[in-house]
Structure formats: C-alpha cells, structure tokens
Amino acid sequence: MSAVVYDRREVKRSRYAVAAVFAVHGAVTGSFATRVPWIQDHASVSAGQLGLALAFPAIGASVSMPIAGSISHRFGARTALRGLISLWTLALALPALAPNLLTLCLALFVYGATAGMADVAMNALGVEVENRLDKSIMSGLHGMWSAGALVGSAAGTLAAHLGTDARVHHALAGVALTVLGIVACQGVLDLRATDDTEPPPRFALPPKSALLIGAIGFCAVFAEGASLDWSAVYLRDVIGSSAGLAAACTTGFTLTMALARFAGDAVVDRFGPVRTVQVSGLLATAGALLVVLAKNAALAMTGFALLGLGIAVVVPLCFAAAGRSGPNPAQAIAGVATITYTSGLIAPSAIGTVAGATSLVTSFVLVTALAFGITAFAGVLRSSGRTAGAAVGTPDTKAGTSGTEAGTADAKVPASGAPTEDSEAGSGYGSTNGQRAKS
C-alpha cells in the first residue's frame, strides 16, 4: 500500500482526536473505580477475594498488550484503535454483571485485556502525531487521560450517591463512551503499513530497548501506585490526621499529577526529555523523603504533592521514547506498558508487605529509593531522540540521504507546514527522513 500524505492541519486535528480518545479511556477507569464497593457486594466476595480479583485487570493487560501491534499492522491504525477502544468501553459493563468470584475474575481479565490493547494503540498513535508535529504532546495526552478519569469518577460518585444500580450505570456509561470513542477515532490519522513493511510477531517478549526505558516507568508507576493507595492511610496512621484530611491528600496528589501533565509538554520542549526526567526524579525523591521525615499533615501533604509533580510526566515520556527506540515501535510501547502495568500491580501489595514487616515509614523509604532511580536512569531516554523527518513540513528524501541533527541537547528542526509522507518512526508505517536528537 502507498503512503498517505497529510498536511499540518490534518495532523493537528488528529492530535485533538487522539486526546479525546485518551479522555474516553480515562473515563472508563474512573467510572469503574467508583463502583468497586457495589461490585464487591453484588459478587459477595470478601476483601481478600476482591484483592485477588483486582489483580486480573493487570494480568489481562500484560497478556494482551504484545499482540496490539499486529492488530494495528493488519487493520491500520484508525480501524484498530476504533475497534479496541470500543471493546474497552463496552467491557466496562462486565464486572458489574459478575455474580461470584470466578466470573468476576474472568470479567476483570477481559476488562484489563481490552484496556491494555487500547492503551498501546492510542499511545502508538500519540507518538506518531508527536513526531509529525515535532513538538512534545504525550504529557498533555496523558493529562487528558487524567481529566477523563476525574470526570468518570465524578459521574460514578454521583451514581453511587443516588443509589443507581452499577449494572445500569456501567451499561449506560459504556454505550455513551463507545459512541464518543468511535466519533473521536474518525479524526485520527489512518496510518497503514506499506507493502514492504514486515509484520510484527503476534506475540513477542519486550525488546531490550523497552526494558531499559521500562525501568524508568517502573520506578514512576511504583511511586504513583504507592501514593494513590497508601497516602490516605499514611496520613491517618502515621501522622494521625482526620479521615477527611487523609482523603484530601489523595485528591490533591491526583490533581497535582493532572495539572503537571498539562504543563509538561512546554517543559519538555524547552529542556528536553532527559533533563525533564532528571529534574522530575529529584522532585519525586524530595517529595518522598519529605513524606518519610514529616511530623505533621502539612509537610506530609506537601511531600505527596511533590511526588505527584515529579512523576507526572515520566510515563508519557517513556511511551514517547519507546515509540522511537527501534524498528518495531508498537512492540516497544507494548513492552514498556507491560512493565508499568506490572509495577502498578505489585506496588500496593509490596508497600503493605514491607509495612507489615517493618513500618509504613520504611515502606516510603523504598519509594524514595525508586524515585531517585528515575533520575539515575534518565539518560536512557537520550538515545531516543524525536524524529524530525516524521514532522509535517519535512519533505521525503531518498534512502541514504537522510540527515541527523545530533551533538546538541536541544537541536531544533523547523516545520514549514508542507505535507510529508508516512513515517516509520513512532509507529512502523512508511519510511523515515531524518532524526532529531533531543535530550
């Protein structure tokens, strides 16, 4: 198949369309999270059984993510994303229908599997659009996910307050979000593999490049999971705060992350991904250390806020780096996503295990060490510079004549607005023209 030509306006529209898809994805997560107590009661499972069941979304995602690349290769980016986001939004209705532990585990496995595949597809498209615009957008896209999650959780909170049956709530929300997702997908780039593009394997282990980049994401997501699940408990049990103040700490952490993601793209464009992640890791380390040393609620809440600020842009930049790290970007993105999902799965239980053996304060010493790991590993992102040749406005060049702007931390490549053909960097569709090394 021949490469499709897009002008800059089409790529900009695609940016907003992908952002809408991210918001839809987040809204599903927020809608589900608020009705977990209802689902637990309906399935008649204990707290321990619920904990077991809630491991299945991450298991499903880890199993399914590696095949997302082959789906996009076969059907094209737009069709694949439309189908996968629809499966994910409709899967929202499944957990509330489960009458017992076994069916709940199966429902949550499917829920997680569809979530993971849609996650890989939308991040791969986001990286492709970022490359074509030659400016950072991944942090803002993940900010839209956070905003969608907040809207979904707000609607879920209202539904729970009104006593609405979660089966009705999730069925209606699933249908509405499916429609929104399909409409949003109409605006994304319809990228397709060329005839000479080798199809990715149906299932493959993460490439080595993804393991290194994933190490940074692992540290960030571990700190995020620990903070989201344990910040309120920390304030209540260690600091002695009221339940209301403890809950406000978790909300503040979430809002800090969302706001930092919306502001993150401008910071990345100014300082580059490596410097941004290095400073982010230092902020997260300082925040975690402040939590460990805090003797009152104000200092502890400030520490959690700094943690949220520090880790906010790290995962988006890991996805962006994975999409530019090798010949099979979708496989690399799937690898990084699998590692981060695994981190999110083990973080809450790891914190609880360490706290049970020692103390909750000691648990956050571990978080402090991993937060510093973000800074320590940040240099890995240096080898994944932004592909300027994929930016709109850079004309295609013949094989063997593409240039690379290397040797500077912030090499700039202008975009004139002229159309360009599909690029292989970022998604595996077409040929690449040049490379922008930015760290």
Protein backbone atom coordinates (compact mmCIF):
# COMPACT_ATOMS: atom_id res chain seq x y z
CA MET A 1 0.00 0.00 0.00
CA SER A 2 1.20 3.51 -0.76
CA ALA A 3 1.91 6.05 1.95
CA VAL A 4 -0.78 8.65 2.65
CA VAL A 5 0.04 12.35 2.56
CA TYR A 6 -1.22 14.55 5.44
CA ASP A 7 -0.90 18.30 5.74
CA ARG A 8 -0.20 20.03 9.04
CA ARG A 9 -3.84 20.90 9.71
CA GLU A 10 -4.84 17.25 9.46
CA VAL A 11 -2.11 16.25 11.89
CA LYS A 12 -3.21 18.96 14.34
CA ARG A 13 -6.80 17.70 14.13
CA SER A 14 -5.51 14.21 14.77
CA ARG A 15 -3.81 15.47 17.92
CA TYR A 16 -7.14 16.61 19.36
CA ALA A 17 -8.83 13.41 18.23
CA VAL A 18 -6.22 11.25 19.98
CA ALA A 19 -6.56 13.46 23.07
CA ALA A 20 -10.30 12.75 23.08
CA VAL A 21 -9.57 9.01 22.88
CA PHE A 22 -7.25 9.32 25.89
CA ALA A 23 -10.03 11.10 27.81
CA VAL A 24 -12.51 8.33 26.92
CA HIS A 25 -10.04 5.69 28.09
CA GLY A 26 -9.57 7.51 31.39
CA ALA A 27 -13.31 7.96 31.87
CA VAL A 28 -13.81 4.18 31.75
CA THR A 29 -11.24 3.72 34.52
CA GLY A 30 -12.81 6.43 36.67
CA SER A 31 -16.31 5.02 36.14
CA PHE A 32 -15.20 1.56 37.24
CA ALA A 33 -13.17 2.61 40.28
CA THR A 34 -16.04 4.41 41.99
CA ARG A 35 -18.35 1.37 41.84
CA VAL A 36 -15.94 -1.26 43.17
CA PRO A 37 -17.75 -1.42 46.55
CA TRP A 38 -21.07 -2.13 44.76
CA ILE A 39 -19.40 -4.79 42.60
CA GLN A 40 -17.89 -6.40 45.71
CA ASP A 41 -21.29 -6.61 47.41
CA HIS A 42 -23.02 -7.91 44.26
CA ALA A 43 -20.43 -10.67 43.77
CA SER A 44 -20.46 -11.48 47.52
CA VAL A 45 -16.66 -11.53 47.82
CA SER A 46 -14.53 -10.77 50.86
CA ALA A 47 -11.86 -8.06 50.95
CA GLY A 48 -9.17 -10.67 50.33
CA GLN A 49 -11.08 -12.18 47.41
CA LEU A 50 -11.62 -8.70 45.97
CA GLY A 51 -7.89 -8.07 46.17
CA LEU A 52 -7.30 -11.26 44.21
CA ALA A 53 -9.88 -10.30 41.59
CA LEU A 54 -8.40 -6.82 41.19
CA ALA A 55 -5.11 -8.37 40.11
CA PHE A 56 -6.76 -9.77 36.98
CA PRO A 57 -7.02 -6.48 35.01
CA ALA A 58 -3.23 -6.13 35.13
CA ILE A 59 -2.80 -9.83 34.24
CA GLY A 60 -5.16 -9.45 31.27
CA ALA A 61 -3.40 -6.30 30.11
CA SER A 62 0.06 -7.88 30.38
CA VAL A 63 -1.03 -10.88 28.30
CA SER A 64 -2.81 -8.88 25.59
CA MET A 65 -0.52 -5.89 25.08
CA PRO A 66 2.10 -7.69 22.97
CA ILE A 67 -0.49 -8.51 20.26
CA ALA A 68 -1.73 -4.92 19.86
CA GLY A 69 0.99 -4.15 17.31
CA SER A 70 -0.03 -6.97 14.98
CA ILE A 71 -3.67 -5.82 15.15
CA SER A 72 -2.69 -2.29 14.10
CA HIS A 73 -0.46 -3.67 11.35
CA ARG A 74 -3.24 -5.80 9.90
CA PHE A 75 -6.16 -3.37 10.08
CA GLY A 76 -4.48 0.04 10.08
CA ALA A 77 -4.12 2.44 12.99
CA ARG A 78 -7.57 4.08 12.78
CA THR A 79 -9.61 0.89 12.39
CA ALA A 80 -7.59 -0.90 15.06
CA LEU A 81 -8.00 1.95 17.55
CA ARG A 82 -11.71 2.26 16.81
CA GLY A 83 -12.24 -1.45 17.44
CA LEU A 84 -10.02 -1.68 20.51
CA ILE A 85 -11.40 1.41 22.25
CA SER A 86 -14.93 0.12 21.60
CA LEU A 87 -14.10 -3.24 23.15
CA TRP A 88 -12.67 -1.44 26.17
CA THR A 89 -15.64 0.88 26.70
CA LEU A 90 -18.13 -1.97 26.32
CA ALA A 91 -16.10 -4.15 28.70
CA LEU A 92 -16.93 -1.63 31.43
CA ALA A 93 -20.31 -3.36 31.82
CA LEU A 94 -18.87 -6.83 32.52
CA PRO A 95 -17.61 -6.64 36.15
CA ALA A 96 -20.94 -5.38 37.50
CA LEU A 97 -22.68 -8.40 35.93
CA ALA A 98 -20.48 -10.95 37.74
CA PRO A 99 -22.40 -12.90 40.42
CA ASN A 100 -19.40 -14.61 42.07
CA LEU A 101 -15.62 -14.60 42.41
CA LEU A 102 -14.87 -16.78 39.37
CA THR A 103 -16.99 -14.75 36.96
CA LEU A 104 -15.64 -11.52 38.46
CA CYS A 105 -12.06 -12.64 37.82
CA LEU A 106 -12.94 -13.58 34.23
CA ALA A 107 -14.75 -10.26 33.67
CA LEU A 108 -11.83 -8.29 35.06
CA PHE A 109 -9.38 -10.27 32.91
CA VAL A 110 -11.31 -9.25 29.77
CA TYR A 111 -11.66 -5.70 31.12
CA GLY A 112 -7.88 -5.47 31.58
CA ALA A 113 -7.03 -7.16 28.28
CA THR A 114 -9.11 -4.70 26.23
CA ALA A 115 -7.76 -1.80 28.29
CA GLY A 116 -4.17 -2.81 27.59
CA MET A 117 -4.57 -3.25 23.85
CA ALA A 118 -6.39 0.09 23.51
CA ASP A 119 -3.67 1.69 25.64
CA VAL A 120 -0.90 0.50 23.30
CA ALA A 121 -2.80 1.56 20.16
CA MET A 122 -3.58 5.07 21.37
CA ASN A 123 -0.05 5.67 22.71
CA ALA A 124 1.46 4.49 19.40
CA LEU A 125 -0.74 6.97 17.52
CA GLY A 126 0.12 9.69 20.02
CA VAL A 127 3.84 9.14 19.43
CA GLU A 128 3.31 9.24 15.66
CA VAL A 129 1.44 12.56 15.88
CA GLU A 130 4.12 13.95 18.21
CA ASN A 131 6.82 13.02 15.69
CA ARG A 132 4.94 14.68 12.82
CA LEU A 133 4.32 17.88 14.79
CA ASP A 134 7.93 17.84 16.07
CA LYS A 135 6.80 19.02 19.50
CA SER A 136 6.03 17.26 22.75
CA ILE A 137 2.36 16.29 23.20
CA MET A 138 2.49 13.00 25.13
CA SER A 139 2.36 14.63 28.55
CA GLY A 140 -0.77 16.56 27.57
CA LEU A 141 -2.36 13.41 26.16
CA HIS A 142 -1.85 11.65 29.47
CA GLY A 143 -3.22 14.76 31.15
CA MET A 144 -6.39 14.25 29.13
CA TRP A 145 -6.49 10.68 30.44
CA SER A 146 -6.31 12.03 33.99
CA ALA A 147 -9.06 14.55 33.21
CA GLY A 148 -11.24 11.81 31.76
CA ALA A 149 -10.66 9.68 34.86
CA LEU A 150 -11.71 12.58 37.09
CA VAL A 151 -14.91 13.12 35.06
CA GLY A 152 -15.68 9.41 35.09
CA SER A 153 -15.13 9.17 38.82
CA ALA A 154 -17.28 12.24 39.45
CA ALA A 155 -20.15 10.70 37.45
CA GLY A 156 -19.64 7.42 39.29
CA THR A 157 -19.70 9.16 42.64
CA LEU A 158 -22.99 10.81 41.73
CA ALA A 159 -24.44 7.49 40.57
CA ALA A 160 -23.37 5.83 43.83
CA HIS A 161 -24.83 8.71 45.86
CA LEU A 162 -28.16 8.31 44.06
CA GLY A 163 -28.10 4.56 44.69
CA THR A 164 -28.06 3.69 40.99
CA ASP A 165 -27.53 0.01 40.18
CA ALA A 166 -23.97 -0.30 38.84
CA ARG A 167 -25.22 -2.63 36.08
CA VAL A 168 -27.41 0.18 34.78
CA HIS A 169 -24.77 2.86 35.37
CA HIS A 170 -21.99 0.97 33.59
CA ALA A 171 -24.21 -0.17 30.72
CA LEU A 172 -25.27 3.42 30.00
CA ALA A 173 -21.76 4.78 30.52
CA GLY A 174 -20.30 2.05 28.30
CA VAL A 175 -22.66 2.85 25.43
CA ALA A 176 -22.11 6.61 25.74
CA LEU A 177 -18.33 6.27 25.89
CA THR A 178 -18.34 3.84 22.96
CA VAL A 179 -20.12 6.42 20.82
CA LEU A 180 -17.69 9.15 21.92
CA GLY A 181 -14.73 6.88 21.23
CA ILE A 182 -15.91 5.97 17.74
CA VAL A 183 -16.54 9.62 16.88
CA ALA A 184 -13.11 10.63 18.19
CA CYS A 185 -11.40 7.89 16.17
CA GLN A 186 -12.77 9.38 12.96
CA GLY A 187 -10.26 12.21 13.35
CA VAL A 188 -7.08 10.19 13.92
CA LEU A 189 -4.53 9.54 11.19
CA ASP A 190 -5.40 6.47 9.11
CA LEU A 191 -1.87 5.07 9.11
CA ARG A 192 -1.29 1.79 7.31
CA ALA A 193 1.75 -0.39 6.82
CA THR A 194 3.38 -0.29 3.42
CA ASP A 195 3.71 -3.46 1.32
CA ASP A 196 7.39 -3.87 2.21
CA THR A 197 6.83 -3.47 5.96
CA GLU A 198 7.47 -6.72 7.79
CA PRO A 199 4.55 -7.61 10.08
CA PRO A 200 5.33 -7.70 13.79
CA PRO A 201 5.16 -11.04 15.60
CA ARG A 202 1.78 -11.96 17.01
CA PHE A 203 3.33 -12.31 20.43
CA ALA A 204 6.82 -11.31 21.48
CA LEU A 205 8.70 -10.51 24.66
CA PRO A 206 9.61 -6.82 25.21
CA PRO A 207 12.74 -5.79 23.27
CA LYS A 208 15.88 -4.82 25.21
CA SER A 209 15.30 -1.14 24.49
CA ALA A 210 11.90 -1.37 26.16
CA LEU A 211 13.43 -2.99 29.25
CA LEU A 212 15.74 -0.05 29.84
CA ILE A 213 13.06 2.56 29.23
CA GLY A 214 10.58 0.47 31.18
CA ALA A 215 12.87 0.60 34.22
CA ILE A 216 12.19 4.33 34.48
CA GLY A 217 8.45 3.77 34.05
CA PHE A 218 8.56 1.02 36.68
CA CYS A 219 10.02 3.43 39.25
CA ALA A 220 7.48 6.14 38.44
CA VAL A 221 4.43 3.87 38.46
CA PHE A 222 5.53 2.19 41.69
CA ALA A 223 5.69 5.60 43.37
CA GLU A 224 2.33 6.53 41.85
CA GLY A 225 0.63 3.31 42.99
CA ALA A 226 2.10 3.59 46.46
CA SER A 227 0.94 7.19 46.80
CA LEU A 228 -2.56 6.65 45.42
CA ASP A 229 -3.30 3.60 47.56
CA TRP A 230 -1.41 4.47 50.73
CA SER A 231 -1.28 8.27 51.07
CA ALA A 232 -4.59 8.46 52.95
CA VAL A 233 -3.58 5.55 55.20
CA TYR A 234 -0.20 7.20 55.82
CA LEU A 235 -1.76 10.44 56.96
CA ARG A 236 -4.25 8.63 59.17
CA ASP A 237 -1.97 6.03 60.77
CA VAL A 238 1.45 7.72 60.79
CA ILE A 239 0.56 11.41 61.07
CA GLY A 240 -2.72 10.96 62.95
CA SER A 241 -4.82 13.09 60.60
CA SER A 242 -8.60 13.01 60.27
CA ALA A 243 -10.27 10.85 57.64
CA GLY A 244 -11.32 13.95 55.68
CA LEU A 245 -7.80 15.38 55.58
CA ALA A 246 -6.38 11.99 54.63
CA ALA A 247 -8.81 11.70 51.70
CA ALA A 248 -7.98 15.26 50.63
CA CYS A 249 -4.31 14.27 50.41
CA THR A 250 -5.08 11.59 47.82
CA THR A 251 -7.26 14.00 45.84
CA GLY A 252 -4.52 16.62 45.95
CA PHE A 253 -1.95 14.12 44.71
CA THR A 254 -4.20 13.20 41.75
CA LEU A 255 -4.89 16.83 40.83
CA THR A 256 -1.19 17.71 41.05
CA MET A 257 -0.37 14.93 38.60
CA ALA A 258 -3.09 16.03 36.17
CA LEU A 259 -2.04 19.70 36.22
CA ALA A 260 1.63 18.82 35.84
CA ARG A 261 0.88 16.68 32.79
CA PHE A 262 -0.94 19.52 31.07
CA ALA A 263 2.04 21.80 31.70
CA GLY A 264 4.62 19.12 30.94
CA ASP A 265 4.81 19.44 27.16
CA ALA A 266 6.05 23.02 27.31
CA VAL A 267 8.74 21.98 29.81
CA VAL A 268 9.85 19.05 27.64
CA ASP A 269 10.05 21.25 24.53
CA ARG A 270 12.14 23.76 26.47
CA PHE A 271 14.54 21.44 28.29
CA GLY A 272 14.28 18.07 26.51
CA PRO A 273 13.15 14.72 27.90
CA VAL A 274 16.36 13.74 29.71
CA ARG A 275 16.70 16.95 31.70
CA THR A 276 12.98 16.98 32.40
CA VAL A 277 13.05 13.43 33.75
CA GLN A 278 16.21 14.09 35.76
CA VAL A 279 14.60 17.07 37.50
CA SER A 280 11.31 15.19 37.83
CA GLY A 281 13.10 12.36 39.60
CA LEU A 282 14.75 14.80 42.01
CA LEU A 283 11.38 16.41 42.79
CA ALA A 284 9.83 12.99 43.38
CA THR A 285 12.77 11.97 45.59
CA ALA A 286 12.49 15.16 47.62
CA GLY A 287 8.74 14.61 47.97
CA ALA A 288 9.11 11.00 49.13
CA LEU A 289 11.87 11.98 51.57
CA LEU A 290 9.66 14.75 52.95
CA VAL A 291 6.89 12.20 53.49
CA VAL A 292 9.30 9.96 55.41
CA LEU A 293 10.52 12.82 57.62
CA ALA A 294 7.15 14.61 58.04
CA LYS A 295 5.84 15.08 61.56
CA ASN A 296 2.63 16.90 60.63
CA ALA A 297 -0.06 16.77 57.95
CA ALA A 298 1.08 19.91 56.10
CA LEU A 299 4.57 18.53 55.45
CA ALA A 300 3.28 15.08 54.50
CA MET A 301 0.73 16.52 52.07
CA THR A 302 3.42 18.76 50.58
CA GLY A 303 5.60 15.69 50.13
CA PHE A 304 2.86 13.77 48.33
CA ALA A 305 2.17 16.81 46.14
CA LEU A 306 5.86 16.94 45.15
CA LEU A 307 5.74 13.23 44.42
CA GLY A 308 2.80 13.77 42.08
CA LEU A 309 4.55 16.69 40.42
CA GLY A 310 7.74 14.69 39.98
CA ILE A 311 6.29 11.52 38.44
CA ALA A 312 3.57 13.13 36.32
CA VAL A 313 5.43 13.36 33.00
CA VAL A 314 7.72 10.36 33.38
CA VAL A 315 5.43 7.65 31.99
CA PRO A 316 4.29 9.74 28.98
CA LEU A 317 7.95 10.37 28.12
CA CYS A 318 8.71 6.66 28.49
CA PHE A 319 5.99 5.84 25.94
CA ALA A 320 7.32 8.54 23.61
CA ALA A 321 10.87 7.20 23.92
CA ALA A 322 9.70 3.61 23.33
CA GLY A 323 7.95 4.70 20.14
CA ARG A 324 11.26 5.96 18.78
CA SER A 325 13.54 3.27 20.15
CA GLY A 326 13.76 0.72 17.36
CA PRO A 327 12.37 -0.87 14.20
CA ASN A 328 9.17 -2.06 15.89
CA PRO A 329 7.77 0.84 17.93
CA ALA A 330 4.43 -0.81 18.73
CA GLN A 331 6.27 -3.78 20.25
CA ALA A 332 8.47 -1.44 22.31
CA ILE A 333 5.45 0.55 23.52
CA ALA A 334 3.72 -2.70 24.46
CA GLY A 335 6.84 -3.77 26.35
CA VAL A 336 7.02 -0.54 28.34
CA ALA A 337 3.28 -0.69 29.01
CA THR A 338 3.60 -4.26 30.28
CA ILE A 339 6.39 -3.27 32.67
CA THR A 340 4.49 -0.26 34.01
CA TYR A 341 1.28 -2.26 34.45
CA THR A 342 3.27 -4.86 36.37
CA SER A 343 4.69 -2.15 38.60
CA GLY A 344 1.21 -0.81 39.28
CA LEU A 345 0.10 -4.33 40.15
CA ILE A 346 2.82 -5.09 42.68
CA ALA A 347 3.30 -1.63 44.24
CA PRO A 348 0.31 -1.58 46.64
CA SER A 349 0.95 -5.10 47.93
CA ALA A 350 4.72 -4.52 48.18
CA ILE A 351 4.15 -1.41 50.29
CA GLY A 352 1.76 -3.37 52.51
CA THR A 353 4.20 -6.28 52.88
CA VAL A 354 7.10 -4.02 53.86
CA ALA A 355 4.85 -2.06 56.21
CA GLY A 356 3.68 -5.26 57.87
CA ALA A 357 7.26 -6.46 58.39
CA THR A 358 8.63 -3.08 59.49
CA SER A 359 6.56 0.12 59.25
CA LEU A 360 4.75 2.28 56.72
CA VAL A 361 7.51 4.87 57.08
CA THR A 362 10.06 2.26 56.00
CA SER A 363 7.87 1.44 53.00
CA PHE A 364 8.22 5.01 51.79
CA VAL A 365 11.99 4.80 52.19
CA LEU A 366 11.69 2.21 49.39
CA VAL A 367 9.57 4.69 47.40
CA THR A 368 12.28 7.32 47.94
CA ALA A 369 14.95 4.99 46.54
CA LEU A 370 12.86 4.14 43.47
CA ALA A 371 12.05 7.81 42.91
CA PHE A 372 15.77 8.52 42.77
CA GLY A 373 16.03 5.69 40.23
CA ILE A 374 14.04 7.92 37.84
CA THR A 375 16.91 10.41 37.83
CA ALA A 376 19.56 7.69 37.74
CA PHE A 377 18.10 6.01 34.62
CA ALA A 378 17.03 9.20 32.81
CA GLY A 379 19.98 9.04 30.42
CA VAL A 380 18.36 6.04 28.70
CA LEU A 381 15.98 8.49 27.01
CA ARG A 382 18.92 10.22 25.31
CA SER A 383 19.14 7.51 22.65
CA SER A 384 15.51 8.01 21.67
CA GLY A 385 15.55 11.42 20.04
CA ARG A 386 12.49 12.84 18.33
CA THR A 387 12.22 12.04 14.67
CA ALA A 388 12.14 15.29 12.82
CA GLY A 389 11.70 13.63 9.49
CA ALA A 390 8.30 12.50 10.64
CA ALA A 391 7.28 16.06 11.32
CA VAL A 392 4.92 17.65 8.88
CA GLY A 393 6.78 20.03 6.68
CA THR A 394 9.89 17.90 6.21
CA PRO A 395 9.93 16.61 2.64
CA ASP A 396 10.71 12.97 1.95
CA THR A 397 14.26 12.23 0.96
CA LYS A 398 15.74 9.29 -0.86
CA ALA A 399 17.16 6.36 1.03
CA GLY A 400 20.67 7.06 2.20
CA THR A 401 20.38 10.85 2.20
CA SER A 402 18.52 11.49 5.42
CA GLY A 403 20.31 13.65 7.92
CA THR A 404 20.61 13.60 11.70
CA GLU A 405 20.89 16.61 13.94
CA ALA A 406 23.00 15.19 16.75
CA GLY A 407 25.55 16.52 19.17
CA THR A 408 23.36 19.11 20.87
CA ALA A 409 20.89 18.71 23.67
CA ASP A 410 18.20 20.74 22.02
CA ALA A 411 18.59 20.55 18.25
CA LYS A 412 15.71 22.32 16.52
CA VAL A 413 14.08 21.34 13.26
CA PRO A 414 11.67 23.79 11.66
CA ALA A 415 8.33 22.67 10.28
CA SER A 416 7.18 24.67 7.30
CA GLY A 417 3.69 23.27 7.03
CA ALA A 418 4.20 21.39 3.78
CA PRO A 419 2.89 17.83 3.61
CA THR A 420 5.01 14.77 4.23
CA GLU A 421 4.53 11.08 3.69
CA ASP A 422 4.03 8.47 6.35
CA SER A 423 6.98 7.91 8.62
CA GLU A 424 8.22 4.74 10.14
CA ALA A 425 9.47 6.41 13.28
CA GLY A 426 6.95 6.12 16.04
CA SER A 427 4.59 3.58 14.60
CA GLY A 428 6.16 1.46 11.89
CA TYR A 429 4.29 2.90 8.88
CA GLY A 430 6.46 4.02 5.92
CA SER A 431 9.96 5.49 5.81
CA THR A 432 11.84 7.95 7.96
CA ASN A 433 13.62 11.02 6.69
CA GLY A 434 15.76 12.41 9.44
CA GLN A 435 16.23 12.41 13.15
CA ARG A 436 16.20 14.97 15.88
CA ALA A 437 18.38 14.14 18.86
CA LYS A 438 16.95 15.90 21.87
CA SER A 439 17.82 15.09 25.43
